[in-house]
């Protein structure tokens, strides 16, 4: 496990490299585009507005209540699903670097995370606009949100790393994970609130993504966070990190051959 921790430490020290790679990859996606990465914001904004009006009417909810809930849930779900899906392909997508350069492996997870954090920052414009228009957010709520976001991101990092290791060995895993995330989307309170599933509360308790959405969204909506959301998220972070470090330590030197 010491080898894996050393790889992570060295990768974190080379922050200038993975931030540059992440930014370069994002720029390449929108090369010669007038609006550039803000196409992410425009497309997300149109989607949230359309779903907000349609599903708000279907669920018989006031737009003032439903639109902020939907905007926060959809923006952060997109971030989480992208980190996990792209995390599984991180080592596969960067195989030329891995096979030709003696680069720490964790640096490619950080590159992917940094790129998605920049995409999230573009989409946060929508969340801020909706919250300012419909709600008043207190400083204590922002602090609680940041605490929850850090905890969620920590969980996403070990999930992405573990997924990248397994995927580089078994190439069917990224497709399986993508299909799995599509199913999870419909049983996670994103388009609807957790209260709507009170009859099936076990779906929320057993679904880690429900915990993640809860500790991020509830503070911004001035709603109480379920106690189990924090508790289970911390337990998952500890157990998941330990398991991932062990797997990473045993497979780190084999990744160059697997890619």
C-alpha atoms as a PDB file:
ATOM      1  CA  UNK A   1       0.000   0.000   0.000  1.00  0.00           C
ATOM      2  CA  UNK A   2       3.009   2.303   0.495  1.00  0.00           C
ATOM      3  CA  UNK A   3       3.764   2.162  -3.245  1.00  0.00           C
ATOM      4  CA  UNK A   4       0.275   3.333  -4.106  1.00  0.00           C
ATOM      5  CA  UNK A   5       0.450   6.177  -1.575  1.00  0.00           C
ATOM      6  CA  UNK A   6       3.804   7.225  -3.026  1.00  0.00           C
ATOM      7  CA  UNK A   7       2.308   7.278  -6.537  1.00  0.00           C
ATOM      8  CA  UNK A   8      -0.579   9.438  -5.313  1.00  0.00           C
ATOM      9  CA  UNK A   9       1.787  11.799  -3.475  1.00  0.00           C
ATOM     10  CA  UNK A  10       4.050  12.256  -6.505  1.00  0.00           C
ATOM     11  CA  UNK A  11       1.012  12.810  -8.733  1.00  0.00           C
ATOM     12  CA  UNK A  12      -0.366  15.502  -6.429  1.00  0.00           C
ATOM     13  CA  UNK A  13       3.008  17.268  -6.452  1.00  0.00           C
ATOM     14  CA  UNK A  14       2.892  17.431 -10.255  1.00  0.00           C
ATOM     15  CA  UNK A  15      -0.275  19.523 -10.180  1.00  0.00           C
ATOM     16  CA  UNK A  16       1.008  21.763 -12.979  1.00  0.00           C
ATOM     17  CA  UNK A  17       1.091  18.737 -15.325  1.00  0.00           C
ATOM     18  CA  UNK A  18      -2.389  17.289 -14.725  1.00  0.00           C
ATOM     19  CA  UNK A  19      -4.045  20.713 -14.652  1.00  0.00           C
ATOM     20  CA  UNK A  20      -2.405  21.580 -17.983  1.00  0.00           C
ATOM     21  CA  UNK A  21      -3.398  18.245 -19.533  1.00  0.00           C
ATOM     22  CA  UNK A  22      -6.984  18.590 -18.307  1.00  0.00           C
ATOM     23  CA  UNK A  23      -7.308  22.140 -19.601  1.00  0.00           C
ATOM     24  CA  UNK A  24      -5.715  21.218 -22.951  1.00  0.00           C
ATOM     25  CA  UNK A  25      -8.132  18.324 -23.445  1.00  0.00           C
ATOM     26  CA  UNK A  26     -11.120  20.545 -22.678  1.00  0.00           C
ATOM     27  CA  UNK A  27      -9.892  23.174 -25.146  1.00  0.00           C
ATOM     28  CA  UNK A  28      -9.413  20.536 -27.844  1.00  0.00           C
ATOM     29  CA  UNK A  29     -13.060  19.503 -27.524  1.00  0.00           C
ATOM     30  CA  UNK A  30     -14.249  23.026 -28.346  1.00  0.00           C
ATOM     31  CA  UNK A  31     -11.527  24.065 -30.763  1.00  0.00           C
ATOM     32  CA  UNK A  32     -12.677  26.812 -33.198  1.00  0.00           C
ATOM     33  CA  UNK A  33     -15.956  27.142 -31.334  1.00  0.00           C
ATOM     34  CA  UNK A  34     -17.064  30.739 -30.706  1.00  0.00           C
ATOM     35  CA  UNK A  35     -18.773  30.011 -27.386  1.00  0.00           C
ATOM     36  CA  UNK A  36     -16.259  27.322 -26.401  1.00  0.00           C
ATOM     37  CA  UNK A  37     -16.835  25.340 -23.187  1.00  0.00           C
ATOM     38  CA  UNK A  38     -19.895  27.466 -22.431  1.00  0.00           C
ATOM     39  CA  UNK A  39     -21.794  25.197 -24.833  1.00  0.00           C
ATOM     40  CA  UNK A  40     -21.833  22.888 -21.790  1.00  0.00           C
ATOM     41  CA  UNK A  41     -23.677  25.577 -19.825  1.00  0.00           C
ATOM     42  CA  UNK A  42     -26.083  26.418 -22.647  1.00  0.00           C
ATOM     43  CA  UNK A  43     -27.097  22.806 -23.298  1.00  0.00           C
ATOM     44  CA  UNK A  44     -27.467  22.089 -19.575  1.00  0.00           C
ATOM     45  CA  UNK A  45     -29.514  25.259 -19.061  1.00  0.00           C
ATOM     46  CA  UNK A  46     -31.915  24.387 -21.884  1.00  0.00           C
ATOM     47  CA  UNK A  47     -32.298  20.837 -20.532  1.00  0.00           C
ATOM     48  CA  UNK A  48     -33.016  22.032 -16.981  1.00  0.00           C
ATOM     49  CA  UNK A  49     -35.547  24.611 -18.170  1.00  0.00           C
ATOM     50  CA  UNK A  50     -37.379  22.090 -20.363  1.00  0.00           C
ATOM     51  CA  UNK A  51     -37.445  19.354 -17.723  1.00  0.00           C
ATOM     52  CA  UNK A  52     -38.331  21.856 -15.019  1.00  0.00           C
ATOM     53  CA  UNK A  53     -41.427  23.058 -16.838  1.00  0.00           C
ATOM     54  CA  UNK A  54     -42.567  19.601 -17.965  1.00  0.00           C
ATOM     55  CA  UNK A  55     -41.853  17.545 -14.836  1.00  0.00           C
ATOM     56  CA  UNK A  56     -42.911  20.364 -12.546  1.00  0.00           C
ATOM     57  CA  UNK A  57     -46.333  20.185 -14.165  1.00  0.00           C
ATOM     58  CA  UNK A  58     -46.391  16.369 -14.069  1.00  0.00           C
ATOM     59  CA  UNK A  59     -45.476  16.278 -10.368  1.00  0.00           C
ATOM     60  CA  UNK A  60     -47.818  19.202  -9.603  1.00  0.00           C
ATOM     61  CA  UNK A  61     -44.976  21.140  -7.992  1.00  0.00           C
ATOM     62  CA  UNK A  62     -44.428  24.877  -7.917  1.00  0.00           C
ATOM     63  CA  UNK A  63     -41.642  25.948 -10.300  1.00  0.00           C
ATOM     64  CA  UNK A  64     -40.092  27.969  -7.469  1.00  0.00           C
ATOM     65  CA  UNK A  65     -39.648  24.722  -5.515  1.00  0.00           C
ATOM     66  CA  UNK A  66     -38.980  22.266  -8.322  1.00  0.00           C
ATOM     67  CA  UNK A  67     -36.541  24.161 -10.559  1.00  0.00           C
ATOM     68  CA  UNK A  68     -33.807  24.723  -7.903  1.00  0.00           C
ATOM     69  CA  UNK A  69     -34.097  21.080  -6.802  1.00  0.00           C
ATOM     70  CA  UNK A  70     -33.802  19.876 -10.401  1.00  0.00           C
ATOM     71  CA  UNK A  71     -30.963  22.242 -11.332  1.00  0.00           C
ATOM     72  CA  UNK A  72     -28.767  21.225  -8.386  1.00  0.00           C
ATOM     73  CA  UNK A  73     -29.533  17.534  -8.753  1.00  0.00           C
ATOM     74  CA  UNK A  74     -28.951  17.379 -12.516  1.00  0.00           C
ATOM     75  CA  UNK A  75     -25.765  19.475 -12.520  1.00  0.00           C
ATOM     76  CA  UNK A  76     -24.099  17.452  -9.793  1.00  0.00           C
ATOM     77  CA  UNK A  77     -25.370  14.124 -11.121  1.00  0.00           C
ATOM     78  CA  UNK A  78     -23.756  14.990 -14.468  1.00  0.00           C
ATOM     79  CA  UNK A  79     -20.494  15.682 -12.656  1.00  0.00           C
ATOM     80  CA  UNK A  80     -20.636  12.427 -10.688  1.00  0.00           C
ATOM     81  CA  UNK A  81     -21.588  10.227 -13.630  1.00  0.00           C
ATOM     82  CA  UNK A  82     -18.926  11.813 -15.861  1.00  0.00           C
ATOM     83  CA  UNK A  83     -16.202  11.262 -13.267  1.00  0.00           C
ATOM     84  CA  UNK A  84     -17.150   7.610 -12.848  1.00  0.00           C
ATOM     85  CA  UNK A  85     -17.697   6.855 -16.549  1.00  0.00           C
ATOM     86  CA  UNK A  86     -14.606   8.694 -17.740  1.00  0.00           C
ATOM     87  CA  UNK A  87     -12.636   7.401 -14.764  1.00  0.00           C
ATOM     88  CA  UNK A  88     -13.116   3.843 -15.988  1.00  0.00           C
ATOM     89  CA  UNK A  89     -11.497   4.809 -19.304  1.00  0.00           C
ATOM     90  CA  UNK A  90      -8.730   6.987 -17.847  1.00  0.00           C
ATOM     91  CA  UNK A  91      -5.875   4.505 -18.247  1.00  0.00           C
ATOM     92  CA  UNK A  92      -7.189   3.216 -21.573  1.00  0.00           C
ATOM     93  CA  UNK A  93      -7.504   6.726 -23.050  1.00  0.00           C
ATOM     94  CA  UNK A  94      -4.015   7.730 -21.885  1.00  0.00           C
ATOM     95  CA  UNK A  95      -2.279   4.498 -22.900  1.00  0.00           C
ATOM     96  CA  UNK A  96       0.288   6.314 -25.144  1.00  0.00           C
ATOM     97  CA  UNK A  97       1.566   8.241 -22.117  1.00  0.00           C
ATOM     98  CA  UNK A  98       1.550   5.191 -19.851  1.00  0.00           C
ATOM     99  CA  UNK A  99       3.473   2.952 -22.282  1.00  0.00           C
ATOM    100  CA  UNK A 100       6.062   5.548 -23.320  1.00  0.00           C
ATOM    101  CA  UNK A 101       6.669   7.692 -20.243  1.00  0.00           C
ATOM    102  CA  UNK A 102       7.505   6.757 -16.623  1.00  0.00           C
ATOM    103  CA  UNK A 103       4.610   8.836 -15.317  1.00  0.00           C
ATOM    104  CA  UNK A 104       2.774   8.188 -12.033  1.00  0.00           C
ATOM    105  CA  UNK A 105      -0.515   6.469 -12.829  1.00  0.00           C
ATOM    106  CA  UNK A 106      -2.715   8.482 -10.471  1.00  0.00           C
ATOM    107  CA  UNK A 107      -1.904  11.620 -12.424  1.00  0.00           C
ATOM    108  CA  UNK A 108      -4.340  10.528 -15.143  1.00  0.00           C
ATOM    109  CA  UNK A 109      -7.155  10.222 -12.599  1.00  0.00           C
ATOM    110  CA  UNK A 110      -6.385  13.753 -11.435  1.00  0.00           C
ATOM    111  CA  UNK A 111      -6.352  14.960 -15.048  1.00  0.00           C
ATOM    112  CA  UNK A 112      -9.798  13.510 -15.612  1.00  0.00           C
ATOM    113  CA  UNK A 113     -11.092  14.918 -12.303  1.00  0.00           C
ATOM    114  CA  UNK A 114      -9.700  18.389 -13.045  1.00  0.00           C
ATOM    115  CA  UNK A 115     -11.325  18.435 -16.489  1.00  0.00           C
ATOM    116  CA  UNK A 116     -14.706  17.525 -15.005  1.00  0.00           C
ATOM    117  CA  UNK A 117     -14.324  20.078 -12.216  1.00  0.00           C
ATOM    118  CA  UNK A 118     -13.845  22.773 -14.862  1.00  0.00           C
ATOM    119  CA  UNK A 119     -16.957  21.527 -16.662  1.00  0.00           C
ATOM    120  CA  UNK A 120     -18.819  21.623 -13.329  1.00  0.00           C
ATOM    121  CA  UNK A 121     -17.730  25.223 -12.788  1.00  0.00           C
ATOM    122  CA  UNK A 122     -19.341  26.165 -16.108  1.00  0.00           C
ATOM    123  CA  UNK A 123     -22.592  24.475 -15.068  1.00  0.00           C
ATOM    124  CA  UNK A 124     -22.520  26.069 -11.608  1.00  0.00           C
ATOM    125  CA  UNK A 125     -23.467  29.320 -13.320  1.00  0.00           C
ATOM    126  CA  UNK A 126     -26.937  27.799 -13.800  1.00  0.00           C
ATOM    127  CA  UNK A 127     -27.185  26.678 -10.170  1.00  0.00           C
ATOM    128  CA  UNK A 128     -26.131  30.099  -8.882  1.00  0.00           C
ATOM    129  CA  UNK A 129     -28.586  31.882 -11.172  1.00  0.00           C
ATOM    130  CA  UNK A 130     -31.483  29.656 -10.071  1.00  0.00           C
ATOM    131  CA  UNK A 131     -30.613  29.936  -6.366  1.00  0.00           C
ATOM    132  CA  UNK A 132     -30.236  33.710  -6.517  1.00  0.00           C
ATOM    133  CA  UNK A 133     -33.544  34.066  -8.356  1.00  0.00           C
ATOM    134  CA  UNK A 134     -35.600  31.660  -6.240  1.00  0.00           C
ATOM    135  CA  UNK A 135     -33.821  31.283  -2.888  1.00  0.00           C
ATOM    136  CA  UNK A 136     -31.697  32.931  -0.260  1.00  0.00           C
ATOM    137  CA  UNK A 137     -28.602  30.894   0.552  1.00  0.00           C
ATOM    138  CA  UNK A 138     -26.902  31.472   3.910  1.00  0.00           C
ATOM    139  CA  UNK A 139     -23.164  31.231   4.618  1.00  0.00           C
ATOM    140  CA  UNK A 140     -23.715  28.244   6.909  1.00  0.00           C
ATOM    141  CA  UNK A 141     -25.511  26.456   4.061  1.00  0.00           C
ATOM    142  CA  UNK A 142     -22.577  27.135   1.720  1.00  0.00           C
ATOM    143  CA  UNK A 143     -20.125  25.756   4.290  1.00  0.00           C
ATOM    144  CA  UNK A 144     -22.234  22.631   4.739  1.00  0.00           C
ATOM    145  CA  UNK A 145     -22.491  22.255   0.963  1.00  0.00           C
ATOM    146  CA  UNK A 146     -18.704  22.514   0.548  1.00  0.00           C
ATOM    147  CA  UNK A 147     -18.193  19.901   3.247  1.00  0.00           C
ATOM    148  CA  UNK A 148     -20.585  17.550   1.479  1.00  0.00           C
ATOM    149  CA  UNK A 149     -19.028  18.227  -1.926  1.00  0.00           C
ATOM    150  CA  UNK A 150     -15.530  17.411  -0.649  1.00  0.00           C
ATOM    151  CA  UNK A 151     -16.808  14.148   0.838  1.00  0.00           C
ATOM    152  CA  UNK A 152     -18.571  13.222  -2.412  1.00  0.00           C
ATOM    153  CA  UNK A 153     -15.488  14.071  -4.502  1.00  0.00           C
ATOM    154  CA  UNK A 154     -13.309  11.936  -2.230  1.00  0.00           C
ATOM    155  CA  UNK A 155     -15.639   8.998  -2.860  1.00  0.00           C
ATOM    156  CA  UNK A 156     -15.680   9.656  -6.596  1.00  0.00           C
ATOM    157  CA  UNK A 157     -11.870   9.607  -6.747  1.00  0.00           C
ATOM    158  CA  UNK A 158     -11.487   6.124  -5.290  1.00  0.00           C
ATOM    159  CA  UNK A 159     -14.400   4.832  -7.387  1.00  0.00           C
ATOM    160  CA  UNK A 160     -12.787   6.271 -10.547  1.00  0.00           C
ATOM    161  CA  UNK A 161      -9.372   4.816  -9.668  1.00  0.00           C
ATOM    162  CA  UNK A 162     -10.767   1.383  -8.879  1.00  0.00           C
ATOM    163  CA  UNK A 163     -12.867   1.479 -12.047  1.00  0.00           C
ATOM    164  CA  UNK A 164      -9.821   2.487 -14.118  1.00  0.00           C
ATOM    165  CA  UNK A 165      -7.774  -0.439 -12.787  1.00  0.00           C
ATOM    166  CA  UNK A 166     -10.504  -3.014 -13.381  1.00  0.00           C
ATOM    167  CA  UNK A 167     -11.400  -1.544 -16.792  1.00  0.00           C
ATOM    168  CA  UNK A 168      -7.856  -1.650 -18.116  1.00  0.00           C
ATOM    169  CA  UNK A 169      -7.770  -5.349 -17.280  1.00  0.00           C
ATOM    170  CA  UNK A 170     -11.322  -6.190 -18.409  1.00  0.00           C
ATOM    171  CA  UNK A 171     -12.338  -3.951 -21.320  1.00  0.00           C
ATOM    172  CA  UNK A 172     -16.077  -4.669 -21.037  1.00  0.00           C
ATOM    173  CA  UNK A 173     -16.293  -2.899 -17.678  1.00  0.00           C
ATOM    174  CA  UNK A 174     -16.658   0.708 -19.013  1.00  0.00           C
ATOM    175  CA  UNK A 175     -19.741  -0.279 -21.026  1.00  0.00           C
ATOM    176  CA  UNK A 176     -21.198  -2.125 -18.038  1.00  0.00           C
ATOM    177  CA  UNK A 177     -20.612   0.877 -15.769  1.00  0.00           C
ATOM    178  CA  UNK A 178     -22.194   3.263 -18.294  1.00  0.00           C
ATOM    179  CA  UNK A 179     -25.331   1.088 -18.490  1.00  0.00           C
ATOM    180  CA  UNK A 180     -25.394   0.768 -14.686  1.00  0.00           C
ATOM    181  CA  UNK A 181     -25.197   4.556 -14.229  1.00  0.00           C
ATOM    182  CA  UNK A 182     -28.147   5.026 -16.573  1.00  0.00           C
ATOM    183  CA  UNK A 183     -30.246   2.713 -14.408  1.00  0.00           C
ATOM    184  CA  UNK A 184     -29.086   4.376 -11.180  1.00  0.00           C
ATOM    185  CA  UNK A 185     -30.163   7.769 -12.547  1.00  0.00           C
ATOM    186  CA  UNK A 186     -33.828   6.735 -12.474  1.00  0.00           C
ATOM    187  CA  UNK A 187     -33.768   5.452  -8.890  1.00  0.00           C
ATOM    188  CA  UNK A 188     -31.830   8.410  -7.491  1.00  0.00           C
ATOM    189  CA  UNK A 189     -33.792  11.507  -6.368  1.00  0.00           C
ATOM    190  CA  UNK A 190     -32.690  13.862  -9.136  1.00  0.00           C
ATOM    191  CA  UNK A 191     -35.849  14.499 -11.142  1.00  0.00           C
ATOM    192  CA  UNK A 192     -37.843  14.092  -7.932  1.00  0.00           C
ATOM    193  CA  UNK A 193     -37.337  14.677  -4.221  1.00  0.00           C
ATOM    194  CA  UNK A 194     -36.572  12.031  -1.633  1.00  0.00           C
ATOM    195  CA  UNK A 195     -39.917  12.709   0.068  1.00  0.00           C
ATOM    196  CA  UNK A 196     -41.697  11.377  -3.029  1.00  0.00           C
ATOM    197  CA  UNK A 197     -40.123   7.969  -2.350  1.00  0.00           C
ATOM    198  CA  UNK A 198     -41.077   7.853   1.327  1.00  0.00           C
ATOM    199  CA  UNK A 199     -42.947   4.617   0.655  1.00  0.00           C
ATOM    200  CA  UNK A 200     -39.756   3.095  -0.781  1.00  0.00           C
ATOM    201  CA  UNK A 201     -37.250   4.666   1.586  1.00  0.00           C
ATOM    202  CA  UNK A 202     -35.026   1.573   1.392  1.00  0.00           C
ATOM    203  CA  UNK A 203     -34.134   2.630  -2.172  1.00  0.00           C
ATOM    204  CA  UNK A 204     -32.651   5.824  -0.759  1.00  0.00           C
ATOM    205  CA  UNK A 205     -30.844   4.175   2.146  1.00  0.00           C
ATOM    206  CA  UNK A 206     -29.246   1.507  -0.060  1.00  0.00           C
ATOM    207  CA  UNK A 207     -28.334   3.874  -2.900  1.00  0.00           C
ATOM    208  CA  UNK A 208     -24.994   5.689  -2.315  1.00  0.00           C
ATOM    209  CA  UNK A 209     -25.823   8.267  -4.968  1.00  0.00           C
ATOM    210  CA  UNK A 210     -28.884   9.261  -2.945  1.00  0.00           C
ATOM    211  CA  UNK A 211     -26.551  10.021  -0.045  1.00  0.00           C
ATOM    212  CA  UNK A 212     -24.298  12.070  -2.318  1.00  0.00           C
ATOM    213  CA  UNK A 213     -27.147  14.111  -3.788  1.00  0.00           C
ATOM    214  CA  UNK A 214     -28.613  14.638  -0.320  1.00  0.00           C
ATOM    215  CA  UNK A 215     -25.459  16.064   1.290  1.00  0.00           C
ATOM    216  CA  UNK A 216     -24.897  18.383  -1.674  1.00  0.00           C
ATOM    217  CA  UNK A 217     -28.435  19.532  -2.502  1.00  0.00           C
ATOM    218  CA  UNK A 218     -30.215  19.738   0.850  1.00  0.00           C
ATOM    219  CA  UNK A 219     -27.997  22.490   2.356  1.00  0.00           C
ATOM    220  CA  UNK A 220     -28.474  24.690  -0.721  1.00  0.00           C
ATOM    221  CA  UNK A 221     -32.247  24.232  -0.481  1.00  0.00           C
ATOM    222  CA  UNK A 222     -32.210  24.955   3.285  1.00  0.00           C
ATOM    223  CA  UNK A 223     -33.460  21.437   3.977  1.00  0.00           C
ATOM    224  CA  UNK A 224     -32.171  19.019   6.662  1.00  0.00           C
ATOM    225  CA  UNK A 225     -29.708  16.366   5.514  1.00  0.00           C
ATOM    226  CA  UNK A 226     -30.587  12.793   6.453  1.00  0.00           C
ATOM    227  CA  UNK A 227     -28.226  11.655   9.221  1.00  0.00           C
ATOM    228  CA  UNK A 228     -27.434   8.395   7.450  1.00  0.00           C
ATOM    229  CA  UNK A 229     -26.243  10.273   4.341  1.00  0.00           C
ATOM    230  CA  UNK A 230     -23.177  11.674   6.117  1.00  0.00           C
ATOM    231  CA  UNK A 231     -22.545   8.554   8.152  1.00  0.00           C
ATOM    232  CA  UNK A 232     -22.721   6.103   5.257  1.00  0.00           C
ATOM    233  CA  UNK A 233     -20.752   8.399   2.942  1.00  0.00           C
ATOM    234  CA  UNK A 234     -17.878   8.564   5.447  1.00  0.00           C
ATOM    235  CA  UNK A 235     -17.929   4.797   5.995  1.00  0.00           C
ATOM    236  CA  UNK A 236     -17.968   4.219   2.229  1.00  0.00           C
ATOM    237  CA  UNK A 237     -15.058   6.628   1.755  1.00  0.00           C
ATOM    238  CA  UNK A 238     -12.923   4.848   4.372  1.00  0.00           C
ATOM    239  CA  UNK A 239     -13.631   1.279   3.255  1.00  0.00           C
ATOM    240  CA  UNK A 240     -13.506   2.120  -0.456  1.00  0.00           C
ATOM    241  CA  UNK A 241     -10.210   3.986  -0.139  1.00  0.00           C
ATOM    242  CA  UNK A 242      -8.521   1.150   1.738  1.00  0.00           C
ATOM    243  CA  UNK A 243      -9.683  -1.467  -0.768  1.00  0.00           C
ATOM    244  CA  UNK A 244      -8.647   0.720  -3.721  1.00  0.00           C
ATOM    245  CA  UNK A 245      -5.196   1.422  -2.267  1.00  0.00           C
ATOM    246  CA  UNK A 246      -4.586  -2.301  -1.818  1.00  0.00           C
ATOM    247  CA  UNK A 247      -5.724  -3.084  -5.375  1.00  0.00           C
ATOM    248  CA  UNK A 248      -3.723  -0.158  -6.784  1.00  0.00           C
ATOM    249  CA  UNK A 249      -0.596  -1.225  -4.951  1.00  0.00           C
ATOM    250  CA  UNK A 250      -0.807  -4.770  -6.328  1.00  0.00           C
ATOM    251  CA  UNK A 251      -1.655  -3.787  -9.907  1.00  0.00           C
ATOM    252  CA  UNK A 252       0.198  -0.480 -10.405  1.00  0.00           C
ATOM    253  CA  UNK A 253       3.209  -2.033 -12.145  1.00  0.00           C
ATOM    254  CA  UNK A 254       0.997  -4.221 -14.361  1.00  0.00           C
ATOM    255  CA  UNK A 255      -1.056  -1.365 -15.833  1.00  0.00           C
ATOM    256  CA  UNK A 256       1.617  -0.586 -18.426  1.00  0.00           C
ATOM    257  CA  UNK A 257       1.303  -4.121 -19.777  1.00  0.00           C
ATOM    258  CA  UNK A 258      -2.493  -4.241 -19.634  1.00  0.00           C
ATOM    259  CA  UNK A 259      -3.037  -1.089 -21.696  1.00  0.00           C
END
